[in-house]
């Protein structure tokens, strides 16, 4: 049995993660470890966007 994948819901969650990681990055100005790790998180989120969010845009 095939399960239905809700790409729009997944995209919404990715955008929330991106927003949170960007906020953490801004808060990390005086906290170097936070700044470095939030950049890494944003890079991983970018890969999710390429894999999922771009598909959502094509589906419109």
PDB file of N, CA and C in Angstrom:
ATOM      1  N   UNK A   1       0.835  -1.180   0.000  1.00  0.00           N
ATOM      2  CA  UNK A   1       0.000   0.000   0.000  1.00  0.00           C
ATOM      3  C   UNK A   1       0.879   1.243   0.000  1.00  0.00           C
ATOM      4  N   UNK A   2       0.581   2.172  -0.860  1.00  0.00           N
ATOM      5  CA  UNK A   2       1.361   3.402  -0.974  1.00  0.00           C
ATOM      6  C   UNK A   2       0.828   4.435   0.023  1.00  0.00           C
ATOM      7  N   UNK A   3       1.740   5.076   0.710  1.00  0.00           N
ATOM      8  CA  UNK A   3       1.346   6.155   1.613  1.00  0.00           C
ATOM      9  C   UNK A   3       1.460   7.485   0.888  1.00  0.00           C
ATOM     10  N   UNK A   4       0.558   8.370   1.190  1.00  0.00           N
ATOM     11  CA  UNK A   4       0.555   9.690   0.586  1.00  0.00           C
ATOM     12  C   UNK A   4       1.519  10.598   1.353  1.00  0.00           C
ATOM     13  N   UNK A   5       2.348  11.306   0.635  1.00  0.00           N
ATOM     14  CA  UNK A   5       3.302  12.221   1.245  1.00  0.00           C
ATOM     15  C   UNK A   5       2.767  13.642   1.097  1.00  0.00           C
ATOM     16  N   UNK A   6       2.648  14.347   2.202  1.00  0.00           N
ATOM     17  CA  UNK A   6       2.147  15.717   2.195  1.00  0.00           C
ATOM     18  C   UNK A   6       3.331  16.675   2.086  1.00  0.00           C
ATOM     19  N   UNK A   7       3.745  16.965   0.843  1.00  0.00           N
ATOM     20  CA  UNK A   7       4.914  17.816   0.617  1.00  0.00           C
ATOM     21  C   UNK A   7       4.704  19.233   1.132  1.00  0.00           C
ATOM     22  N   UNK A   8       3.489  19.729   1.069  1.00  0.00           N
ATOM     23  CA  UNK A   8       3.226  21.089   1.556  1.00  0.00           C
ATOM     24  C   UNK A   8       3.439  21.183   3.062  1.00  0.00           C
ATOM     25  N   UNK A   9       3.003  20.180   3.797  1.00  0.00           N
ATOM     26  CA  UNK A   9       3.201  20.178   5.249  1.00  0.00           C
ATOM     27  C   UNK A   9       4.685  20.057   5.585  1.00  0.00           C
ATOM     28  N   UNK A  10       5.390  19.216   4.856  1.00  0.00           N
ATOM     29  CA  UNK A  10       6.828  19.068   5.061  1.00  0.00           C
ATOM     30  C   UNK A  10       7.528  20.396   4.761  1.00  0.00           C
ATOM     31  N   UNK A  11       7.121  21.056   3.686  1.00  0.00           N
ATOM     32  CA  UNK A  11       7.708  22.346   3.325  1.00  0.00           C
ATOM     33  C   UNK A  11       7.466  23.377   4.418  1.00  0.00           C
ATOM     34  N   UNK A  12       6.269  23.396   4.989  1.00  0.00           N
ATOM     35  CA  UNK A  12       5.973  24.335   6.074  1.00  0.00           C
ATOM     36  C   UNK A  12       6.914  24.114   7.254  1.00  0.00           C
ATOM     37  N   UNK A  13       7.141  22.864   7.592  1.00  0.00           N
ATOM     38  CA  UNK A  13       8.044  22.541   8.713  1.00  0.00           C
ATOM     39  C   UNK A  13       9.478  22.955   8.400  1.00  0.00           C
ATOM     40  N   UNK A  14       9.909  22.758   7.161  1.00  0.00           N
ATOM     41  CA  UNK A  14      11.254  23.163   6.747  1.00  0.00           C
ATOM     42  C   UNK A  14      11.397  24.674   6.881  1.00  0.00           C
ATOM     43  N   UNK A  15      10.370  25.423   6.485  1.00  0.00           N
ATOM     44  CA  UNK A  15      10.431  26.881   6.571  1.00  0.00           C
ATOM     45  C   UNK A  15      10.482  27.350   8.028  1.00  0.00           C
ATOM     46  N   UNK A  16       9.792  26.633   8.921  1.00  0.00           N
ATOM     47  CA  UNK A  16       9.858  26.965  10.348  1.00  0.00           C
ATOM     48  C   UNK A  16      11.273  26.712  10.872  1.00  0.00           C
ATOM     49  N   UNK A  17      11.857  25.573  10.480  1.00  0.00           N
ATOM     50  CA  UNK A  17      13.224  25.273  10.907  1.00  0.00           C
ATOM     51  C   UNK A  17      14.199  26.329  10.390  1.00  0.00           C
ATOM     52  N   UNK A  18      14.014  26.755   9.141  1.00  0.00           N
ATOM     53  CA  UNK A  18      14.887  27.760   8.548  1.00  0.00           C
ATOM     54  C   UNK A  18      14.791  29.072   9.316  1.00  0.00           C
ATOM     55  N   UNK A  19      13.583  29.489   9.611  1.00  0.00           N
ATOM     56  CA  UNK A  19      13.366  30.728  10.358  1.00  0.00           C
ATOM     57  C   UNK A  19      14.011  30.658  11.742  1.00  0.00           C
ATOM     58  N   UNK A  20      13.853  29.528  12.411  1.00  0.00           N
ATOM     59  CA  UNK A  20      14.439  29.343  13.738  1.00  0.00           C
ATOM     60  C   UNK A  20      15.965  29.359  13.667  1.00  0.00           C
ATOM     61  N   UNK A  21      16.537  28.673  12.688  1.00  0.00           N
ATOM     62  CA  UNK A  21      17.993  28.643  12.540  1.00  0.00           C
ATOM     63  C   UNK A  21      18.544  30.028  12.206  1.00  0.00           C
ATOM     64  N   UNK A  22      17.817  30.789  11.403  1.00  0.00           N
ATOM     65  CA  UNK A  22      18.257  32.152  11.085  1.00  0.00           C
ATOM     66  C   UNK A  22      18.225  33.033  12.329  1.00  0.00           C
ATOM     67  N   UNK A  23      17.207  32.867  13.148  1.00  0.00           N
ATOM     68  CA  UNK A  23      17.127  33.631  14.389  1.00  0.00           C
ATOM     69  C   UNK A  23      18.263  33.256  15.329  1.00  0.00           C
ATOM     70  N   UNK A  24      18.549  31.967  15.448  1.00  0.00           N
ATOM     71  CA  UNK A  24      19.674  31.523  16.274  1.00  0.00           C
ATOM     72  C   UNK A  24      20.987  32.102  15.761  1.00  0.00           C
ATOM     73  N   UNK A  25      21.128  32.158  14.442  1.00  0.00           N
ATOM     74  CA  UNK A  25      22.339  32.716  13.853  1.00  0.00           C
ATOM     75  C   UNK A  25      22.496  34.187  14.239  1.00  0.00           C
ATOM     76  N   UNK A  26      21.400  34.933  14.184  1.00  0.00           N
ATOM     77  CA  UNK A  26      21.460  36.348  14.583  1.00  0.00           C
ATOM     78  C   UNK A  26      21.804  36.486  16.066  1.00  0.00           C
ATOM     79  N   UNK A  27      21.258  35.600  16.898  1.00  0.00           N
ATOM     80  CA  UNK A  27      21.523  35.646  18.330  1.00  0.00           C
ATOM     81  C   UNK A  27      22.947  35.210  18.665  1.00  0.00           C
ATOM     82  N   UNK A  28      23.604  34.547  17.727  1.00  0.00           N
ATOM     83  CA  UNK A  28      24.942  34.028  17.964  1.00  0.00           C
ATOM     84  C   UNK A  28      26.068  35.007  17.706  1.00  0.00           C
ATOM     85  N   UNK A  29      25.753  36.278  17.538  1.00  0.00           N
ATOM     86  CA  UNK A  29      26.794  37.279  17.268  1.00  0.00           C
ATOM     87  C   UNK A  29      27.899  37.248  18.319  1.00  0.00           C
ATOM     88  N   UNK A  30      27.537  37.084  19.580  1.00  0.00           N
ATOM     89  CA  UNK A  30      28.523  37.048  20.656  1.00  0.00           C
ATOM     90  C   UNK A  30      28.724  35.649  21.214  1.00  0.00           C
ATOM     91  N   UNK A  31      28.303  34.655  20.452  1.00  0.00           N
ATOM     92  CA  UNK A  31      28.390  33.259  20.880  1.00  0.00           C
ATOM     93  C   UNK A  31      28.879  32.464  19.671  1.00  0.00           C
ATOM     94  N   UNK A  32      30.199  32.416  19.453  1.00  0.00           N
ATOM     95  CA  UNK A  32      30.767  31.828  18.232  1.00  0.00           C
ATOM     96  C   UNK A  32      30.316  30.401  17.925  1.00  0.00           C
ATOM     97  N   UNK A  33      30.196  29.565  18.926  1.00  0.00           N
ATOM     98  CA  UNK A  33      29.778  28.169  18.672  1.00  0.00           C
ATOM     99  C   UNK A  33      28.351  28.130  18.115  1.00  0.00           C
ATOM    100  N   UNK A  34      27.495  28.970  18.653  1.00  0.00           N
ATOM    101  CA  UNK A  34      26.123  29.043  18.159  1.00  0.00           C
ATOM    102  C   UNK A  34      26.094  29.550  16.719  1.00  0.00           C
ATOM    103  N   UNK A  35      26.886  30.568  16.444  1.00  0.00           N
ATOM    104  CA  UNK A  35      26.947  31.114  15.084  1.00  0.00           C
ATOM    105  C   UNK A  35      27.433  30.053  14.094  1.00  0.00           C
ATOM    106  N   UNK A  36      28.510  29.343  14.427  1.00  0.00           N
ATOM    107  CA  UNK A  36      29.051  28.319  13.528  1.00  0.00           C
ATOM    108  C   UNK A  36      28.060  27.183  13.295  1.00  0.00           C
ATOM    109  N   UNK A  37      27.467  26.704  14.385  1.00  0.00           N
ATOM    110  CA  UNK A  37      26.554  25.568  14.260  1.00  0.00           C
ATOM    111  C   UNK A  37      25.255  25.943  13.567  1.00  0.00           C
ATOM    112  N   UNK A  38      24.799  27.163  13.741  1.00  0.00           N
ATOM    113  CA  UNK A  38      23.580  27.573  13.052  1.00  0.00           C
ATOM    114  C   UNK A  38      23.824  27.693  11.547  1.00  0.00           C
ATOM    115  N   UNK A  39      25.032  28.062  11.154  1.00  0.00           N
ATOM    116  CA  UNK A  39      25.370  28.084   9.721  1.00  0.00           C
ATOM    117  C   UNK A  39      25.329  26.666   9.166  1.00  0.00           C
ATOM    118  N   UNK A  40      25.828  25.709   9.912  1.00  0.00           N
ATOM    119  CA  UNK A  40      25.780  24.306   9.480  1.00  0.00           C
ATOM    120  C   UNK A  40      24.339  23.816   9.375  1.00  0.00           C
ATOM    121  N   UNK A  41      23.527  24.193  10.341  1.00  0.00           N
ATOM    122  CA  UNK A  41      22.111  23.816  10.308  1.00  0.00           C
ATOM    123  C   UNK A  41      21.444  24.398   9.072  1.00  0.00           C
ATOM    124  N   UNK A  42      21.733  25.675   8.786  1.00  0.00           N
ATOM    125  CA  UNK A  42      21.144  26.313   7.608  1.00  0.00           C
ATOM    126  C   UNK A  42      21.571  25.619   6.313  1.00  0.00           C
ATOM    127  N   UNK A  43      22.800  25.131   6.267  1.00  0.00           N
ATOM    128  CA  UNK A  43      23.259  24.402   5.082  1.00  0.00           C
ATOM    129  C   UNK A  43      22.469  23.105   4.913  1.00  0.00           C
ATOM    130  N   UNK A  44      22.205  22.418   6.011  1.00  0.00           N
ATOM    131  CA  UNK A  44      21.411  21.189   5.936  1.00  0.00           C
ATOM    132  C   UNK A  44      19.972  21.491   5.542  1.00  0.00           C
ATOM    133  N   UNK A  45      19.442  22.572   6.066  1.00  0.00           N
ATOM    134  CA  UNK A  45      18.078  22.963   5.710  1.00  0.00           C
ATOM    135  C   UNK A  45      18.002  23.313   4.232  1.00  0.00           C
ATOM    136  N   UNK A  46      19.050  23.929   3.708  1.00  0.00           N
ATOM    137  CA  UNK A  46      19.087  24.259   2.280  1.00  0.00           C
ATOM    138  C   UNK A  46      18.966  22.988   1.445  1.00  0.00           C
ATOM    139  N   UNK A  47      19.624  21.913   1.868  1.00  0.00           N
ATOM    140  CA  UNK A  47      19.517  20.641   1.150  1.00  0.00           C
ATOM    141  C   UNK A  47      18.084  20.117   1.199  1.00  0.00           C
ATOM    142  N   UNK A  48      17.418  20.271   2.340  1.00  0.00           N
ATOM    143  CA  UNK A  48      16.011  19.869   2.429  1.00  0.00           C
ATOM    144  C   UNK A  48      15.152  20.710   1.490  1.00  0.00           C
ATOM    145  N   UNK A  49      15.449  21.999   1.415  1.00  0.00           N
ATOM    146  CA  UNK A  49      14.703  22.863   0.508  1.00  0.00           C
ATOM    147  C   UNK A  49      14.885  22.420  -0.938  1.00  0.00           C
ATOM    148  N   UNK A  50      16.100  22.095  -1.289  1.00  0.00           N
ATOM    149  CA  UNK A  50      16.367  21.645  -2.660  1.00  0.00           C
ATOM    150  C   UNK A  50      15.587  20.366  -2.952  1.00  0.00           C
ATOM    151  N   UNK A  51      15.539  19.468  -1.975  1.00  0.00           N
ATOM    152  CA  UNK A  51      14.867  18.186  -2.173  1.00  0.00           C
ATOM    153  C   UNK A  51      13.349  18.260  -2.088  1.00  0.00           C
ATOM    154  N   UNK A  52      12.818  19.123  -1.240  1.00  0.00           N
ATOM    155  CA  UNK A  52      11.374  19.131  -0.995  1.00  0.00           C
ATOM    156  C   UNK A  52      10.714  20.414  -1.476  1.00  0.00           C
ATOM    157  N   UNK A  53      11.205  21.546  -0.997  1.00  0.00           N
ATOM    158  CA  UNK A  53      10.526  22.811  -1.276  1.00  0.00           C
ATOM    159  C   UNK A  53      10.476  23.123  -2.760  1.00  0.00           C
ATOM    160  N   UNK A  54      11.509  22.775  -3.483  1.00  0.00           N
ATOM    161  CA  UNK A  54      11.504  22.999  -4.930  1.00  0.00           C
ATOM    162  C   UNK A  54      10.428  22.155  -5.605  1.00  0.00           C
ATOM    163  N   UNK A  55      10.188  20.950  -5.098  1.00  0.00           N
ATOM    164  CA  UNK A  55       9.118  20.105  -5.635  1.00  0.00           C
ATOM    165  C   UNK A  55       7.750  20.721  -5.393  1.00  0.00           C
ATOM    166  N   UNK A  56       7.597  21.341  -4.222  1.00  0.00           N
ATOM    167  CA  UNK A  56       6.319  21.985  -3.906  1.00  0.00           C
ATOM    168  C   UNK A  56       6.058  23.122  -4.872  1.00  0.00           C
ATOM    169  N   UNK A  57       7.092  23.896  -5.188  1.00  0.00           N
ATOM    170  CA  UNK A  57       6.942  25.012  -6.115  1.00  0.00           C
ATOM    171  C   UNK A  57       6.579  24.502  -7.518  1.00  0.00           C
ATOM    172  N   UNK A  58       7.128  23.379  -7.928  1.00  0.00           N
ATOM    173  CA  UNK A  58       6.817  22.817  -9.238  1.00  0.00           C
ATOM    174  C   UNK A  58       5.403  22.265  -9.289  1.00  0.00           C
ATOM    175  N   UNK A  59       4.890  21.833  -8.155  1.00  0.00           N
ATOM    176  CA  UNK A  59       3.570  21.217  -8.083  1.00  0.00           C
ATOM    177  C   UNK A  59       2.435  22.225  -8.186  1.00  0.00           C
ATOM    178  N   UNK A  60       2.724  23.500  -8.025  1.00  0.00           N
ATOM    179  CA  UNK A  60       1.679  24.540  -8.024  1.00  0.00           C
ATOM    180  C   UNK A  60       1.045  24.707  -9.361  1.00  0.00           C
TER     181      UNK A  60
END
